[in-house]
C-alpha cells in the first residue's frame, strides 16, 4: 500500500470507497488522492471516494503496460460494477473452497451459472507462448550440440583413417 488503507467492513463508507493504483492516480493528475471523489460514468452512476493507493503491479501479462485500475468493495451481491471476484485461500483447500463458493453462489444468485478459474492457471495461460518458445530453443540447442558432436566424431574418424594410411609408409632406420 503506497498511501491510505485497504477497504474494510469496519468503515461503513467503504461501500463507496475505491483504491487506485499509482498509474490511475498519475492519469487523473491527483497529487493528494486520498478523499478525492470520482465516478465510473456508468448508468446508474457509481460515485466513489479514494481511500487508498496501491503500488503498480502486473495484473495482466508482464509484456503489457500497467494500466490504470481501481479496486472497489463489493459486499454481498455485486451491483453490476464488477465482473470478477478474487478469493484467497490456504493452498491444499481448493476443493473445500470451490464447494463452499458454489453453494454460496447458488444461494445468492439462484439460476445464474458460476464461472471460475484459478489465477495460477490463468497466469500459466498468459505465459504459455514463452514456455513453448523456451522448449523450442532448448530442443534446437540440444540438436545443435548433437550435430556438433557428430561433426567432431566425423573429423576424428577421418583424421584417424589418414594416420592409419600414413603409418605403413614411414621408414624406420635400423640401429647400426
Protein backbone atom coordinates (compact mmCIF):
# COMPACT_ATOMS: atom_id res chain seq x y z
CA UNK A 1 0.00 0.00 0.00
CA UNK A 2 1.56 3.26 -1.11
CA UNK A 3 -0.93 5.56 0.67
CA UNK A 4 -4.07 5.26 2.74
CA UNK A 5 -5.62 1.96 3.78
CA UNK A 6 -7.37 -1.10 2.42
CA UNK A 7 -11.14 -1.39 2.18
CA UNK A 8 -12.84 -2.81 5.28
CA UNK A 9 -16.30 -3.64 6.60
CA UNK A 10 -15.33 -1.73 9.74
CA UNK A 11 -15.79 1.52 7.80
CA UNK A 12 -19.40 1.88 6.60
CA UNK A 13 -18.35 4.46 3.99
CA UNK A 14 -16.11 1.88 2.28
CA UNK A 15 -19.14 0.64 0.34
CA UNK A 16 -18.40 3.65 -1.89
CA UNK A 17 -14.62 3.59 -1.40
CA UNK A 18 -12.08 2.86 -4.08
CA UNK A 19 -8.38 2.01 -4.10
CA UNK A 20 -6.45 3.26 -7.12
CA UNK A 21 -3.12 2.11 -8.45
CA UNK A 22 -0.31 4.63 -8.97
CA UNK A 23 -0.90 4.72 -12.74
CA UNK A 24 -4.55 5.76 -12.21
CA UNK A 25 -3.52 8.46 -9.75
CA UNK A 26 -0.98 9.80 -12.25
CA UNK A 27 -3.52 9.70 -15.11
CA UNK A 28 -6.11 11.58 -13.02
CA UNK A 29 -3.46 14.14 -12.07
CA UNK A 30 -4.00 13.79 -8.31
CA UNK A 31 -1.15 14.93 -6.07
CA UNK A 32 -3.03 14.02 -2.88
CA UNK A 33 -5.58 11.42 -4.00
CA UNK A 34 -6.96 10.40 -0.58
CA UNK A 35 -10.52 11.64 -0.16
CA UNK A 36 -10.91 12.72 -3.80
CA UNK A 37 -14.28 11.94 -5.37
CA UNK A 38 -14.80 10.26 -8.75
CA UNK A 39 -17.39 8.17 -10.58
CA UNK A 40 -17.38 5.41 -13.15
CA UNK A 41 -19.70 7.12 -15.68
CA UNK A 42 -21.96 4.07 -15.81
CA UNK A 43 -25.75 4.09 -15.71
CA UNK A 44 -26.71 4.30 -12.91
CA UNK A 45 -23.63 6.29 -11.96
CA UNK A 46 -21.49 4.92 -9.11
CA UNK A 47 -19.73 7.59 -7.05
CA UNK A 48 -16.56 6.71 -5.16
CA UNK A 49 -14.10 8.34 -2.80
CA UNK A 50 -10.42 7.35 -2.75
CA UNK A 51 -9.35 5.58 0.46
CA UNK A 52 -6.02 4.18 -0.68
CA UNK A 53 -3.38 3.89 -3.37
CA UNK A 54 -1.54 0.67 -4.16
CA UNK A 55 1.81 0.45 -5.90
CA UNK A 56 1.63 -0.59 -9.53
CA UNK A 57 1.69 -4.32 -10.09
CA UNK A 58 1.21 -6.57 -13.11
CA UNK A 59 -2.34 -7.85 -13.11
CA UNK A 60 -2.05 -8.78 -16.78
CA UNK A 61 0.89 -10.11 -18.77
CA UNK A 62 4.27 -8.66 -17.82
CA UNK A 63 4.59 -7.76 -21.50
CA UNK A 64 1.61 -5.42 -21.20
CA UNK A 65 1.88 -1.86 -19.95
CA UNK A 66 0.38 -1.42 -16.47
CA UNK A 67 -2.99 0.22 -16.95
CA UNK A 68 -4.99 2.37 -14.52
CA UNK A 69 -7.02 0.26 -12.09
CA UNK A 70 -9.50 0.81 -9.30
CA UNK A 71 -10.46 -1.73 -6.64
CA UNK A 72 -13.90 -1.43 -5.08
CA UNK A 73 -15.53 -3.25 -2.19
CA UNK A 74 -18.41 -5.46 -3.28
CA UNK A 75 -20.05 -6.59 -0.06
CA UNK A 76 -22.80 -9.09 -0.77
CA UNK A 77 -24.40 -9.26 -4.18
CA UNK A 78 -22.47 -7.35 -6.84
CA UNK A 79 -24.31 -4.31 -8.13
CA UNK A 80 -23.12 -4.71 -11.70
CA UNK A 81 -19.97 -2.64 -11.33
CA UNK A 82 -17.71 -5.68 -11.03
CA UNK A 83 -17.25 -8.79 -13.10
CA UNK A 84 -14.65 -10.67 -11.11
CA UNK A 85 -14.09 -11.68 -7.53
CA UNK A 86 -10.82 -12.97 -6.10
CA UNK A 87 -10.83 -15.43 -3.23
CA UNK A 88 -7.69 -16.07 -1.23
CA UNK A 89 -7.43 -19.49 0.39
CA UNK A 90 -4.92 -21.77 2.08
CA UNK A 91 -3.12 -23.95 -0.51
CA UNK A 92 -4.42 -27.51 -0.48
CA UNK A 93 -8.00 -26.50 0.31
CA UNK A 94 -9.10 -25.89 -3.28
CA UNK A 95 -11.87 -28.49 -3.19
CA UNK A 96 -13.45 -27.18 0.01
CA UNK A 97 -13.22 -23.55 -1.12
CA UNK A 98 -14.72 -24.40 -4.53
CA UNK A 99 -17.63 -26.30 -2.96
CA UNK A 100 -18.32 -23.50 -0.47
CA UNK A 101 -18.14 -20.85 -3.20
CA UNK A 102 -20.54 -22.79 -5.45
CA UNK A 103 -23.05 -23.29 -2.61
CA UNK A 104 -22.88 -19.63 -1.59
CA UNK A 105 -23.24 -18.50 -5.18
CA UNK A 106 -26.32 -20.68 -5.72
CA UNK A 107 -27.85 -19.29 -2.53
CA UNK A 108 -27.22 -15.66 -3.52
CA UNK A 109 -27.68 -15.97 -7.30
CA UNK A 110 -30.05 -18.91 -7.95
CA UNK A 111 -30.31 -19.94 -11.57
CA UNK A 112 -27.24 -17.97 -12.67
CA UNK A 113 -24.29 -20.24 -13.51
CA UNK A 114 -20.94 -19.57 -11.87
CA UNK A 115 -17.78 -19.45 -13.91
CA UNK A 116 -14.43 -19.62 -12.14
CA UNK A 117 -10.78 -20.25 -12.76
CA UNK A 118 -7.61 -20.38 -10.71
CA UNK A 119 -5.15 -17.50 -11.07
CA UNK A 120 -2.26 -19.93 -11.32
CA UNK A 121 -3.85 -21.46 -14.43
CA UNK A 122 -4.67 -18.02 -15.82
CA UNK A 123 -1.06 -16.87 -15.41
CA UNK A 124 0.23 -20.11 -16.92
CA UNK A 125 -2.02 -19.45 -19.90
CA UNK A 126 -0.61 -15.91 -20.22
CA UNK A 127 2.93 -17.26 -20.42
CA UNK A 128 2.23 -20.43 -22.43
CA UNK A 129 3.80 -18.83 -25.51
CA UNK A 130 7.02 -18.09 -23.60
CA UNK A 131 7.13 -21.66 -22.28
CA UNK A 132 6.68 -23.06 -25.78
CA UNK A 133 9.41 -20.77 -27.12
CA UNK A 134 11.73 -21.93 -24.35
CA UNK A 135 11.03 -25.56 -25.21
CA UNK A 136 11.72 -24.95 -28.92
CA UNK A 137 15.03 -23.19 -28.18
CA UNK A 138 16.05 -25.94 -25.75
CA UNK A 139 15.33 -28.56 -28.41
CA UNK A 140 17.28 -26.57 -31.01
CA UNK A 141 20.24 -26.19 -28.63
CA UNK A 142 20.29 -29.93 -27.96
CA UNK A 143 20.02 -30.62 -31.70
CA UNK A 144 22.93 -28.25 -32.46
CA UNK A 145 25.05 -29.98 -29.81
CA UNK A 146 24.30 -33.36 -31.37
CA UNK A 147 25.21 -32.09 -34.87
CA UNK A 148 28.43 -30.54 -33.47
CA UNK A 149 29.38 -33.79 -31.77
CA UNK A 150 28.67 -35.77 -34.95
CA UNK A 151 30.87 -33.34 -36.88
CA UNK A 152 33.66 -33.74 -34.33
CA UNK A 153 33.28 -37.51 -34.44
CA UNK A 154 33.44 -37.45 -38.24
CA UNK A 155 36.55 -35.29 -38.18
CA UNK A 156 38.25 -37.60 -35.65
CA UNK A 157 37.32 -40.61 -37.75
CA UNK A 158 38.78 -39.07 -40.94
CA UNK A 159 41.91 -37.95 -39.07
CA UNK A 160 42.38 -41.46 -37.64
CA UNK A 161 41.98 -43.03 -41.08
CA UNK A 162 44.53 -40.60 -42.55
CA UNK A 163 47.04 -41.54 -39.81
CA UNK A 164 46.38 -45.24 -40.40
CA UNK A 165 47.10 -44.82 -44.11
CA UNK A 166 50.36 -42.90 -43.49
CA UNK A 167 51.85 -45.23 -40.89
CA UNK A 168 52.88 -48.10 -43.17
CA UNK A 169 54.92 -45.76 -45.37
CA UNK A 170 57.03 -44.37 -42.58
CA UNK A 171 60.56 -45.69 -42.88
CA UNK A 172 62.39 -46.73 -39.84
CA UNK A 173 66.11 -46.86 -39.85
CA UNK A 174 67.60 -49.85 -38.15
CA UNK A 175 70.10 -49.19 -35.43
CA UNK A 176 73.69 -49.87 -36.50
